[in-house]
N, C-alpha and C. Protein backbone atom coordinates (compact mmCIF):
# COMPACT_ATOMS: atom_id res chain seq x y z
N MET A 1 100.79 62.36 191.38
CA MET A 1 101.91 62.82 192.14
C MET A 1 103.13 61.93 191.91
N ALA A 2 102.92 60.67 191.70
CA ALA A 2 104.03 59.75 191.45
C ALA A 2 104.76 60.15 190.17
N ALA A 3 104.02 60.64 189.16
CA ALA A 3 104.65 61.07 187.92
C ALA A 3 105.55 62.28 188.17
N VAL A 4 105.10 63.19 189.03
CA VAL A 4 105.91 64.35 189.36
C VAL A 4 107.17 63.91 190.09
N ASP A 5 107.02 62.98 191.03
CA ASP A 5 108.17 62.47 191.77
C ASP A 5 109.17 61.82 190.83
N ARG A 6 108.65 61.00 189.88
CA ARG A 6 109.55 60.34 188.93
C ARG A 6 110.24 61.38 188.05
N SER A 7 109.49 62.40 187.66
CA SER A 7 110.06 63.45 186.82
C SER A 7 111.16 64.19 187.59
N GLU A 8 110.89 64.50 188.85
CA GLU A 8 111.90 65.18 189.66
C GLU A 8 113.10 64.27 189.89
N GLN A 9 112.83 63.00 190.09
CA GLN A 9 113.91 62.05 190.30
C GLN A 9 114.78 61.96 189.05
N ALA A 10 114.16 61.96 187.88
CA ALA A 10 114.92 61.92 186.63
C ALA A 10 115.76 63.19 186.47
N LEU A 11 115.16 64.34 186.80
CA LEU A 11 115.92 65.59 186.75
C LEU A 11 117.11 65.54 187.70
N TRP A 12 116.85 65.01 188.89
CA TRP A 12 117.92 64.93 189.89
C TRP A 12 119.07 64.06 189.38
N GLU A 13 118.73 62.92 188.81
CA GLU A 13 119.77 62.02 188.31
C GLU A 13 120.59 62.69 187.22
N ARG A 14 119.92 63.43 186.34
CA ARG A 14 120.64 64.17 185.30
C ARG A 14 121.49 65.28 185.91
N GLY A 15 120.94 65.95 186.93
CA GLY A 15 121.68 67.02 187.60
C GLY A 15 122.92 66.51 188.29
N VAL A 16 122.79 65.36 188.96
CA VAL A 16 123.95 64.76 189.63
C VAL A 16 125.02 64.39 188.61
N ALA A 17 124.60 64.01 187.43
CA ALA A 17 125.56 63.66 186.37
C ALA A 17 126.23 64.90 185.78
N GLY A 18 125.79 66.09 186.20
CA GLY A 18 126.43 67.32 185.72
C GLY A 18 125.62 68.08 184.71
N ASP A 19 124.39 67.70 184.46
CA ASP A 19 123.53 68.40 183.50
C ASP A 19 123.03 69.70 184.14
N GLY A 20 123.61 70.81 183.73
CA GLY A 20 123.24 72.11 184.28
C GLY A 20 121.81 72.50 184.00
N ASP A 21 121.29 72.11 182.82
CA ASP A 21 119.90 72.44 182.49
C ASP A 21 118.93 71.72 183.42
N ALA A 22 119.22 70.47 183.71
CA ALA A 22 118.36 69.71 184.63
C ALA A 22 118.43 70.32 186.02
N PHE A 23 119.62 70.73 186.43
CA PHE A 23 119.75 71.36 187.74
C PHE A 23 119.00 72.69 187.77
N GLY A 24 119.03 73.41 186.65
CA GLY A 24 118.26 74.66 186.54
C GLY A 24 116.78 74.42 186.71
N LEU A 25 116.28 73.31 186.18
CA LEU A 25 114.86 72.98 186.34
C LEU A 25 114.55 72.63 187.80
N ILE A 26 115.48 71.98 188.48
CA ILE A 26 115.30 71.70 189.91
C ILE A 26 115.26 73.02 190.68
N PHE A 27 116.12 73.94 190.30
CA PHE A 27 116.11 75.27 190.91
C PHE A 27 114.76 75.93 190.70
N ASP A 28 114.28 75.93 189.45
CA ASP A 28 112.97 76.53 189.16
C ASP A 28 111.85 75.88 189.97
N LEU A 29 111.96 74.59 190.17
CA LEU A 29 110.93 73.84 190.88
C LEU A 29 110.87 74.20 192.37
N HIS A 30 112.01 74.50 192.98
CA HIS A 30 112.04 74.67 194.44
C HIS A 30 112.42 76.06 194.94
N ARG A 31 112.84 76.96 194.06
CA ARG A 31 113.37 78.24 194.53
C ARG A 31 112.36 79.06 195.32
N ASP A 32 111.09 79.09 194.88
CA ASP A 32 110.10 79.91 195.60
C ASP A 32 109.89 79.41 197.02
N ARG A 33 109.82 78.11 197.17
CA ARG A 33 109.61 77.55 198.51
C ARG A 33 110.82 77.81 199.40
N VAL A 34 112.01 77.65 198.85
CA VAL A 34 113.23 77.90 199.61
C VAL A 34 113.32 79.38 199.98
N PHE A 35 112.99 80.26 199.04
CA PHE A 35 113.02 81.69 199.32
C PHE A 35 112.03 82.06 200.42
N ARG A 36 110.81 81.55 200.34
CA ARG A 36 109.80 81.85 201.38
C ARG A 36 110.28 81.38 202.75
N HIS A 37 110.90 80.21 202.77
CA HIS A 37 111.42 79.68 204.03
C HIS A 37 112.51 80.62 204.59
N ALA A 38 113.41 81.06 203.73
CA ALA A 38 114.49 81.97 204.16
C ALA A 38 113.91 83.31 204.61
N TYR A 39 112.95 83.81 203.87
CA TYR A 39 112.35 85.10 204.23
C TYR A 39 111.61 85.02 205.57
N ARG A 40 110.96 83.92 205.80
CA ARG A 40 110.24 83.72 207.06
C ARG A 40 111.22 83.79 208.25
N ILE A 41 112.42 83.30 208.06
CA ILE A 41 113.42 83.31 209.13
C ILE A 41 114.10 84.67 209.25
N LEU A 42 114.50 85.25 208.12
CA LEU A 42 115.34 86.45 208.14
C LEU A 42 114.56 87.77 208.11
N GLN A 43 113.37 87.75 207.56
CA GLN A 43 112.54 88.96 207.45
C GLN A 43 113.22 90.07 206.65
N ASP A 44 114.03 89.69 205.67
CA ASP A 44 114.70 90.66 204.82
C ASP A 44 114.83 90.04 203.42
N VAL A 45 114.34 90.75 202.42
CA VAL A 45 114.32 90.20 201.06
C VAL A 45 115.73 89.89 200.56
N HIS A 46 116.65 90.84 200.74
CA HIS A 46 118.00 90.65 200.20
C HIS A 46 118.73 89.51 200.90
N ASP A 47 118.58 89.44 202.21
CA ASP A 47 119.21 88.33 202.94
C ASP A 47 118.59 86.99 202.55
N ALA A 48 117.28 86.99 202.32
CA ALA A 48 116.61 85.75 201.91
C ALA A 48 117.09 85.32 200.52
N GLU A 49 117.31 86.28 199.64
CA GLU A 49 117.85 85.95 198.31
C GLU A 49 119.25 85.35 198.45
N ASP A 50 120.06 85.95 199.31
CA ASP A 50 121.41 85.42 199.53
C ASP A 50 121.37 84.00 200.09
N ALA A 51 120.49 83.77 201.07
CA ALA A 51 120.38 82.44 201.67
C ALA A 51 119.91 81.42 200.64
N THR A 52 118.98 81.82 199.79
CA THR A 52 118.49 80.92 198.73
C THR A 52 119.63 80.56 197.78
N ALA A 53 120.39 81.56 197.38
CA ALA A 53 121.51 81.31 196.46
C ALA A 53 122.54 80.38 197.09
N VAL A 54 122.84 80.60 198.36
CA VAL A 54 123.82 79.75 199.04
C VAL A 54 123.31 78.32 199.15
N ALA A 55 122.03 78.16 199.45
CA ALA A 55 121.47 76.80 199.58
C ALA A 55 121.58 76.04 198.26
N PHE A 56 121.28 76.70 197.15
CA PHE A 56 121.37 76.02 195.86
C PHE A 56 122.82 75.80 195.43
N LEU A 57 123.69 76.72 195.79
CA LEU A 57 125.11 76.50 195.51
C LEU A 57 125.61 75.28 196.27
N GLU A 58 125.22 75.16 197.53
CA GLU A 58 125.62 73.98 198.32
C GLU A 58 124.99 72.71 197.75
N LEU A 59 123.76 72.82 197.27
CA LEU A 59 123.12 71.65 196.65
C LEU A 59 123.94 71.18 195.46
N TRP A 60 124.39 72.12 194.65
CA TRP A 60 125.20 71.77 193.48
C TRP A 60 126.55 71.18 193.91
N ARG A 61 127.20 71.83 194.87
CA ARG A 61 128.51 71.37 195.32
C ARG A 61 128.44 69.97 195.93
N ARG A 62 127.38 69.68 196.66
CA ARG A 62 127.28 68.42 197.38
C ARG A 62 126.29 67.44 196.73
N ARG A 63 126.01 67.66 195.48
CA ARG A 63 124.95 66.88 194.81
C ARG A 63 125.18 65.37 194.88
N HIS A 64 126.42 64.93 194.96
CA HIS A 64 126.70 63.49 195.02
C HIS A 64 126.42 62.90 196.40
N ARG A 65 126.31 63.77 197.43
CA ARG A 65 126.13 63.28 198.80
C ARG A 65 124.80 63.71 199.43
N VAL A 66 123.96 64.39 198.67
CA VAL A 66 122.70 64.90 199.23
C VAL A 66 121.75 63.75 199.53
N ARG A 67 121.18 63.79 200.72
CA ARG A 67 120.19 62.77 201.12
C ARG A 67 118.81 63.29 200.73
N ARG A 68 118.17 62.57 199.82
CA ARG A 68 116.84 62.96 199.35
C ARG A 68 115.77 62.23 200.14
N VAL A 69 114.63 62.87 200.23
CA VAL A 69 113.47 62.25 200.88
C VAL A 69 112.41 62.07 199.80
N ASP A 70 111.97 60.85 199.61
CA ASP A 70 111.02 60.51 198.54
C ASP A 70 111.50 61.03 197.18
N GLY A 71 112.80 60.97 196.96
CA GLY A 71 113.36 61.35 195.67
C GLY A 71 113.56 62.85 195.48
N SER A 72 113.22 63.66 196.48
CA SER A 72 113.31 65.11 196.33
C SER A 72 114.41 65.69 197.23
N PRO A 73 115.16 66.65 196.71
CA PRO A 73 116.16 67.31 197.54
C PRO A 73 115.58 68.45 198.38
N LEU A 74 114.26 68.69 198.27
CA LEU A 74 113.66 69.83 198.97
C LEU A 74 113.89 69.80 200.48
N PRO A 75 113.68 68.68 201.17
CA PRO A 75 113.95 68.70 202.62
C PRO A 75 115.40 69.08 202.94
N TRP A 76 116.33 68.55 202.16
CA TRP A 76 117.73 68.89 202.36
C TRP A 76 117.93 70.39 202.14
N LEU A 77 117.31 70.93 201.09
CA LEU A 77 117.41 72.36 200.80
C LEU A 77 116.87 73.20 201.95
N LEU A 78 115.75 72.80 202.53
CA LEU A 78 115.14 73.57 203.62
C LEU A 78 116.02 73.56 204.87
N VAL A 79 116.60 72.41 205.17
CA VAL A 79 117.51 72.34 206.33
C VAL A 79 118.75 73.18 206.06
N THR A 80 119.29 73.08 204.87
CA THR A 80 120.47 73.88 204.51
C THR A 80 120.15 75.37 204.54
N THR A 81 118.97 75.73 204.09
CA THR A 81 118.53 77.13 204.13
C THR A 81 118.43 77.62 205.56
N THR A 82 117.87 76.80 206.44
CA THR A 82 117.78 77.17 207.86
C THR A 82 119.17 77.42 208.43
N ASN A 83 120.10 76.53 208.16
CA ASN A 83 121.46 76.69 208.67
C ASN A 83 122.14 77.93 208.07
N THR A 84 121.91 78.17 206.79
CA THR A 84 122.47 79.35 206.14
C THR A 84 121.91 80.62 206.76
N CYS A 85 120.62 80.62 207.04
CA CYS A 85 119.99 81.79 207.67
C CYS A 85 120.58 82.04 209.05
N ARG A 86 120.80 80.99 209.79
CA ARG A 86 121.43 81.15 211.11
C ARG A 86 122.83 81.74 210.98
N ASN A 87 123.57 81.25 210.00
CA ASN A 87 124.92 81.78 209.78
C ASN A 87 124.89 83.25 209.39
N LEU A 88 123.97 83.62 208.50
CA LEU A 88 123.85 85.02 208.09
C LEU A 88 123.46 85.90 209.28
N ASP A 89 122.52 85.43 210.07
CA ASP A 89 122.08 86.20 211.24
C ASP A 89 123.22 86.36 212.24
N ARG A 90 123.96 85.29 212.46
CA ARG A 90 125.09 85.35 213.39
C ARG A 90 126.16 86.32 212.87
N ALA A 91 126.42 86.28 211.58
CA ALA A 91 127.42 87.19 210.99
C ALA A 91 126.97 88.64 211.12
N LYS A 92 125.68 88.91 210.92
CA LYS A 92 125.18 90.27 211.06
C LYS A 92 125.32 90.76 212.50
N ARG A 93 125.03 89.89 213.46
CA ARG A 93 125.15 90.28 214.86
C ARG A 93 126.61 90.56 215.22
N ARG A 94 127.51 89.72 214.73
CA ARG A 94 128.94 89.93 215.01
C ARG A 94 129.43 91.23 214.39
N TYR A 95 129.02 91.48 213.17
CA TYR A 95 129.42 92.71 212.49
C TYR A 95 128.86 93.93 213.22
N GLY A 96 127.60 93.85 213.65
CA GLY A 96 127.00 94.94 214.42
C GLY A 96 127.73 95.18 215.72
N ALA A 97 128.11 94.11 216.41
CA ALA A 97 128.85 94.25 217.67
C ALA A 97 130.22 94.87 217.41
N LEU A 98 130.86 94.48 216.31
CA LEU A 98 132.15 95.06 215.96
C LEU A 98 132.01 96.56 215.72
N LEU A 99 130.98 96.95 214.97
CA LEU A 99 130.78 98.37 214.69
C LEU A 99 130.48 99.15 215.96
N GLU A 100 129.71 98.55 216.85
CA GLU A 100 129.38 99.21 218.12
C GLU A 100 130.63 99.40 218.98
N GLY A 101 131.58 98.51 218.86
CA GLY A 101 132.79 98.58 219.66
C GLY A 101 133.81 99.59 219.15
N LEU A 102 133.61 100.08 217.93
CA LEU A 102 134.55 101.06 217.38
C LEU A 102 134.33 102.42 218.02
N PRO A 103 135.38 103.21 218.17
CA PRO A 103 135.21 104.55 218.74
C PRO A 103 134.38 105.42 217.82
N HIS A 104 133.57 106.28 218.43
CA HIS A 104 132.68 107.14 217.65
C HIS A 104 133.20 108.56 217.54
N GLY A 105 134.47 108.79 217.84
CA GLY A 105 135.04 110.13 217.81
C GLY A 105 135.19 110.64 216.39
N SER A 106 135.81 111.79 216.29
CA SER A 106 136.03 112.38 214.97
C SER A 106 137.04 111.53 214.21
N PRO A 107 137.03 111.66 212.88
CA PRO A 107 137.97 110.86 212.09
C PRO A 107 139.42 111.22 212.43
N ALA A 108 140.28 110.27 212.23
CA ALA A 108 141.70 110.48 212.53
C ALA A 108 142.26 111.59 211.66
N ARG A 109 143.09 112.39 212.26
CA ARG A 109 143.71 113.48 211.52
C ARG A 109 144.99 112.98 210.85
N SER A 110 145.30 113.59 209.74
CA SER A 110 146.52 113.20 209.03
C SER A 110 147.74 113.75 209.75
N ALA A 111 148.87 113.14 209.52
CA ALA A 111 150.13 113.60 210.11
C ALA A 111 150.43 115.02 209.66
N GLU A 112 150.09 115.32 208.42
CA GLU A 112 150.32 116.67 207.89
C GLU A 112 149.53 117.71 208.69
N ASP A 113 148.27 117.43 208.99
CA ASP A 113 147.45 118.36 209.77
C ASP A 113 148.01 118.56 211.17
N ILE A 114 148.49 117.50 211.78
CA ILE A 114 149.05 117.60 213.13
C ILE A 114 150.28 118.49 213.14
N VAL A 115 151.17 118.29 212.17
CA VAL A 115 152.40 119.10 212.10
C VAL A 115 152.05 120.55 211.81
N LEU A 116 151.12 120.78 210.88
CA LEU A 116 150.76 122.16 210.54
C LEU A 116 150.12 122.88 211.72
N ASP A 117 149.37 122.18 212.53
CA ASP A 117 148.77 122.80 213.72
C ASP A 117 149.84 123.21 214.72
N GLN A 118 150.94 122.49 214.74
CA GLN A 118 152.00 122.79 215.70
C GLN A 118 152.85 123.99 215.28
N LEU A 119 152.84 124.29 214.02
CA LEU A 119 153.64 125.42 213.52
C LEU A 119 152.79 126.68 213.53
N THR A 120 153.41 127.82 213.74
CA THR A 120 152.69 129.08 213.62
C THR A 120 152.64 129.45 212.15
N ASP A 121 151.82 130.42 211.83
CA ASP A 121 151.71 130.84 210.43
C ASP A 121 153.05 131.31 209.88
N ASP A 122 153.82 132.02 210.68
CA ASP A 122 155.13 132.50 210.22
C ASP A 122 156.06 131.34 209.91
N GLU A 123 156.01 130.33 210.75
CA GLU A 123 156.88 129.17 210.53
C GLU A 123 156.46 128.42 209.27
N VAL A 124 155.15 128.35 209.04
CA VAL A 124 154.65 127.68 207.84
C VAL A 124 155.12 128.44 206.61
N LEU A 125 154.98 129.76 206.64
CA LEU A 125 155.39 130.58 205.50
C LEU A 125 156.90 130.48 205.28
N ALA A 126 157.67 130.53 206.36
CA ALA A 126 159.12 130.43 206.24
C ALA A 126 159.52 129.07 205.68
N ALA A 127 158.85 128.01 206.13
CA ALA A 127 159.15 126.67 205.62
C ALA A 127 158.81 126.56 204.15
N ALA A 128 157.68 127.15 203.73
CA ALA A 128 157.27 127.09 202.33
C ALA A 128 158.24 127.89 201.46
N LEU A 129 158.62 129.07 201.93
CA LEU A 129 159.58 129.88 201.17
C LEU A 129 160.93 129.20 201.08
N GLY A 130 161.31 128.49 202.13
CA GLY A 130 162.58 127.78 202.12
C GLY A 130 162.62 126.66 201.11
N MET A 131 161.47 126.19 200.71
CA MET A 131 161.40 125.10 199.72
C MET A 131 161.50 125.63 198.29
N LEU A 132 161.31 126.95 198.12
CA LEU A 132 161.36 127.53 196.78
C LEU A 132 162.81 127.68 196.32
N GLY A 133 162.98 127.59 195.03
CA GLY A 133 164.30 127.87 194.46
C GLY A 133 164.56 129.37 194.51
N ARG A 134 165.78 129.78 194.19
CA ARG A 134 166.15 131.20 194.28
C ARG A 134 165.28 132.06 193.38
N THR A 135 165.10 131.67 192.14
CA THR A 135 164.30 132.46 191.20
C THR A 135 162.85 132.54 191.65
N ASP A 136 162.28 131.41 192.08
CA ASP A 136 160.89 131.41 192.54
C ASP A 136 160.71 132.27 193.79
N ALA A 137 161.68 132.26 194.68
CA ALA A 137 161.60 133.07 195.90
C ALA A 137 161.64 134.55 195.55
N GLU A 138 162.49 134.92 194.59
CA GLU A 138 162.56 136.32 194.18
C GLU A 138 161.27 136.75 193.50
N LEU A 139 160.72 135.91 192.64
CA LEU A 139 159.44 136.23 191.99
C LEU A 139 158.33 136.37 193.03
N PHE A 140 158.31 135.49 193.99
CA PHE A 140 157.30 135.57 195.05
C PHE A 140 157.41 136.90 195.80
N ALA A 141 158.62 137.28 196.14
CA ALA A 141 158.82 138.54 196.88
C ALA A 141 158.35 139.73 196.06
N LEU A 142 158.65 139.74 194.77
CA LEU A 142 158.24 140.85 193.92
C LEU A 142 156.72 140.91 193.75
N VAL A 143 156.09 139.78 193.55
CA VAL A 143 154.65 139.76 193.29
C VAL A 143 153.85 139.89 194.58
N ALA A 144 154.15 139.07 195.58
CA ALA A 144 153.33 139.05 196.79
C ALA A 144 153.66 140.18 197.75
N LEU A 145 154.93 140.52 197.86
CA LEU A 145 155.31 141.52 198.85
C LEU A 145 155.40 142.93 198.26
N GLU A 146 155.88 143.03 197.04
CA GLU A 146 156.06 144.35 196.42
C GLU A 146 154.91 144.70 195.47
N HIS A 147 153.98 143.78 195.26
CA HIS A 147 152.77 143.99 194.45
C HIS A 147 153.06 144.30 192.98
N TYR A 148 154.12 143.73 192.45
CA TYR A 148 154.39 143.85 191.03
C TYR A 148 153.53 142.85 190.27
N SER A 149 153.23 143.18 189.04
CA SER A 149 152.44 142.29 188.19
C SER A 149 153.36 141.35 187.44
N ILE A 150 152.86 140.17 187.17
CA ILE A 150 153.65 139.19 186.42
C ILE A 150 153.68 139.56 184.95
N THR A 151 152.66 140.20 184.45
CA THR A 151 152.59 140.51 183.03
C THR A 151 153.37 141.72 182.64
């Protein structure tokens, strides 16, 4: 076990120095345990994956200040994962409360729909015809009202 500890300690020292491959090996070494811990708290695979990713991102960001126990960052990772899970759970509850507080009525109507509802059909037709140019209005009258063919 001491050889494993020394190996992990060597990986950690390389990771702190910025060696991404060494940090990747630390990730490989601890990701399953961190994921299981997150899943045990959150009971959701996707949320547990997110918490695991956040914990390792924080490990990388704070690698110069991480307090290791017996040369391993695992205890720090587990505490960080617990805190991340609490944050995710709190955010979900807040979002749920926000959604519950929103009105459940029909979707808002557009201004156009409101104005059209206020006008009668004749007013709508008169307004539409008023927007046509002289030639278009005459063509409309011949085709729609007098039933002439365009061809």
